[in-house]
């Protein structure tokens, strides 16, 4: 089966310190790897101000992860855990065309 390219963008809670942010990123990168995804790159984009308030926050740190995966196991697990993690305000998963 051919690998499919996904782009995951998520917003990290601005209340986290640098160590907490690094731990969150490492945790979610590990979740993707452990479920069969190959991480192409994982990097902070920038701290941005929101157009509207999200969970009582007016800004957040955007992080982008590009991955290749053969099936949706890694994506499904990432999505499930991202919904319950307090360190992540929002996330979006996009399937990219080759």
C-alpha atoms as a PDB file:
ATOM      1  CA  UNK A   1       0.000   0.000   0.000  1.00  0.00           C
ATOM      2  CA  UNK A   2       1.296   3.477  -0.866  1.00  0.00           C
ATOM      3  CA  UNK A   3       2.090   5.976   1.827  1.00  0.00           C
ATOM      4  CA  UNK A   4      -0.181   8.975   2.178  1.00  0.00           C
ATOM      5  CA  UNK A   5       1.119  12.409   3.177  1.00  0.00           C
ATOM      6  CA  UNK A   6      -0.635  14.245   6.023  1.00  0.00           C
ATOM      7  CA  UNK A   7      -0.101  17.688   7.488  1.00  0.00           C
ATOM      8  CA  UNK A   8      -1.084  18.198  11.121  1.00  0.00           C
ATOM      9  CA  UNK A   9      -1.321  21.708  12.538  1.00  0.00           C
ATOM     10  CA  UNK A  10      -2.016  22.230  16.195  1.00  0.00           C
ATOM     11  CA  UNK A  11      -2.099  25.156  18.590  1.00  0.00           C
ATOM     12  CA  UNK A  12      -0.198  24.779  21.865  1.00  0.00           C
ATOM     13  CA  UNK A  13      -1.529  26.406  25.023  1.00  0.00           C
ATOM     14  CA  UNK A  14       0.496  29.624  25.594  1.00  0.00           C
ATOM     15  CA  UNK A  15       0.504  29.015  29.374  1.00  0.00           C
ATOM     16  CA  UNK A  16       2.967  26.123  28.952  1.00  0.00           C
ATOM     17  CA  UNK A  17       6.604  26.935  29.630  1.00  0.00           C
ATOM     18  CA  UNK A  18       9.319  25.918  27.165  1.00  0.00           C
ATOM     19  CA  UNK A  19       9.908  22.537  28.869  1.00  0.00           C
ATOM     20  CA  UNK A  20       6.183  21.762  28.921  1.00  0.00           C
ATOM     21  CA  UNK A  21       5.864  22.684  25.245  1.00  0.00           C
ATOM     22  CA  UNK A  22       8.805  20.451  24.307  1.00  0.00           C
ATOM     23  CA  UNK A  23       7.340  17.571  26.302  1.00  0.00           C
ATOM     24  CA  UNK A  24       3.982  17.967  24.531  1.00  0.00           C
ATOM     25  CA  UNK A  25       5.587  18.021  21.066  1.00  0.00           C
ATOM     26  CA  UNK A  26       7.777  14.981  21.863  1.00  0.00           C
ATOM     27  CA  UNK A  27       4.784  13.092  23.260  1.00  0.00           C
ATOM     28  CA  UNK A  28       2.670  13.599  20.151  1.00  0.00           C
ATOM     29  CA  UNK A  29       5.589  12.924  17.778  1.00  0.00           C
ATOM     30  CA  UNK A  30       6.156   9.645  19.649  1.00  0.00           C
ATOM     31  CA  UNK A  31       2.461   8.734  19.391  1.00  0.00           C
ATOM     32  CA  UNK A  32       2.663   9.163  15.613  1.00  0.00           C
ATOM     33  CA  UNK A  33       5.900   7.133  15.299  1.00  0.00           C
ATOM     34  CA  UNK A  34       4.691   4.332  17.584  1.00  0.00           C
ATOM     35  CA  UNK A  35       1.589   3.894  15.433  1.00  0.00           C
ATOM     36  CA  UNK A  36       3.502   3.499  12.170  1.00  0.00           C
ATOM     37  CA  UNK A  37       3.837   7.029  10.801  1.00  0.00           C
ATOM     38  CA  UNK A  38       7.068   8.437   9.416  1.00  0.00           C
ATOM     39  CA  UNK A  39       7.649  12.038  10.533  1.00  0.00           C
ATOM     40  CA  UNK A  40       9.037  14.164   7.696  1.00  0.00           C
ATOM     41  CA  UNK A  41       9.352  17.283   9.866  1.00  0.00           C
ATOM     42  CA  UNK A  42       7.972  18.693  13.099  1.00  0.00           C
ATOM     43  CA  UNK A  43       8.494  22.377  13.790  1.00  0.00           C
ATOM     44  CA  UNK A  44       7.031  25.426  15.481  1.00  0.00           C
ATOM     45  CA  UNK A  45       5.565  27.892  13.047  1.00  0.00           C
ATOM     46  CA  UNK A  46       5.047  30.960  15.231  1.00  0.00           C
ATOM     47  CA  UNK A  47       3.117  32.456  18.116  1.00  0.00           C
ATOM     48  CA  UNK A  48      -0.013  34.086  16.718  1.00  0.00           C
ATOM     49  CA  UNK A  49      -2.864  36.167  18.060  1.00  0.00           C
ATOM     50  CA  UNK A  50      -6.321  34.630  17.485  1.00  0.00           C
ATOM     51  CA  UNK A  51      -9.202  36.322  15.718  1.00  0.00           C
ATOM     52  CA  UNK A  52     -11.418  35.095  18.567  1.00  0.00           C
ATOM     53  CA  UNK A  53     -10.849  33.670  22.025  1.00  0.00           C
ATOM     54  CA  UNK A  54     -10.199  29.921  22.347  1.00  0.00           C
ATOM     55  CA  UNK A  55     -10.573  28.437  25.838  1.00  0.00           C
ATOM     56  CA  UNK A  56     -10.008  31.885  27.383  1.00  0.00           C
ATOM     57  CA  UNK A  57      -6.764  32.417  25.422  1.00  0.00           C
ATOM     58  CA  UNK A  58      -6.094  35.164  22.885  1.00  0.00           C
ATOM     59  CA  UNK A  59      -2.901  33.678  21.411  1.00  0.00           C
ATOM     60  CA  UNK A  60      -1.113  30.370  20.954  1.00  0.00           C
ATOM     61  CA  UNK A  61       1.932  28.688  19.445  1.00  0.00           C
ATOM     62  CA  UNK A  62       1.246  27.002  16.113  1.00  0.00           C
ATOM     63  CA  UNK A  63       3.122  23.735  15.475  1.00  0.00           C
ATOM     64  CA  UNK A  64       3.198  21.900  12.127  1.00  0.00           C
ATOM     65  CA  UNK A  65       3.966  18.198  11.612  1.00  0.00           C
ATOM     66  CA  UNK A  66       4.286  16.574   8.181  1.00  0.00           C
ATOM     67  CA  UNK A  67       4.011  12.782   8.146  1.00  0.00           C
ATOM     68  CA  UNK A  68       3.746   9.835   5.785  1.00  0.00           C
ATOM     69  CA  UNK A  69       1.556   6.909   6.822  1.00  0.00           C
ATOM     70  CA  UNK A  70       0.285   3.748   5.157  1.00  0.00           C
ATOM     71  CA  UNK A  71      -2.996   3.703   7.084  1.00  0.00           C
ATOM     72  CA  UNK A  72      -4.938   5.937   9.454  1.00  0.00           C
ATOM     73  CA  UNK A  73      -3.915   4.221  12.720  1.00  0.00           C
ATOM     74  CA  UNK A  74      -1.448   6.966  13.706  1.00  0.00           C
ATOM     75  CA  UNK A  75      -3.831   9.742  12.639  1.00  0.00           C
ATOM     76  CA  UNK A  76      -6.742   8.222  14.564  1.00  0.00           C
ATOM     77  CA  UNK A  77      -4.692   7.836  17.746  1.00  0.00           C
ATOM     78  CA  UNK A  78      -3.296  11.374  17.452  1.00  0.00           C
ATOM     79  CA  UNK A  79      -6.804  12.769  16.968  1.00  0.00           C
ATOM     80  CA  UNK A  80      -8.207  10.824  19.924  1.00  0.00           C
ATOM     81  CA  UNK A  81      -5.492  11.945  22.339  1.00  0.00           C
ATOM     82  CA  UNK A  82      -5.367  15.541  21.053  1.00  0.00           C
ATOM     83  CA  UNK A  83      -9.043  15.985  21.920  1.00  0.00           C
ATOM     84  CA  UNK A  84      -8.420  15.221  25.603  1.00  0.00           C
ATOM     85  CA  UNK A  85      -5.048  16.926  26.098  1.00  0.00           C
ATOM     86  CA  UNK A  86      -5.202  20.280  27.904  1.00  0.00           C
ATOM     87  CA  UNK A  87      -1.930  21.480  26.374  1.00  0.00           C
ATOM     88  CA  UNK A  88      -3.408  21.572  22.884  1.00  0.00           C
ATOM     89  CA  UNK A  89      -6.093  24.164  22.160  1.00  0.00           C
ATOM     90  CA  UNK A  90      -7.014  23.063  18.607  1.00  0.00           C
ATOM     91  CA  UNK A  91      -5.731  20.698  15.944  1.00  0.00           C
ATOM     92  CA  UNK A  92      -6.356  20.088  12.261  1.00  0.00           C
ATOM     93  CA  UNK A  93      -5.344  17.095  10.149  1.00  0.00           C
ATOM     94  CA  UNK A  94      -5.187  17.487   6.368  1.00  0.00           C
ATOM     95  CA  UNK A  95      -4.512  14.756   3.820  1.00  0.00           C
ATOM     96  CA  UNK A  96      -2.174  16.175   1.178  1.00  0.00           C
ATOM     97  CA  UNK A  97      -2.107  15.072  -2.432  1.00  0.00           C
ATOM     98  CA  UNK A  98       1.199  13.706  -3.688  1.00  0.00           C
END
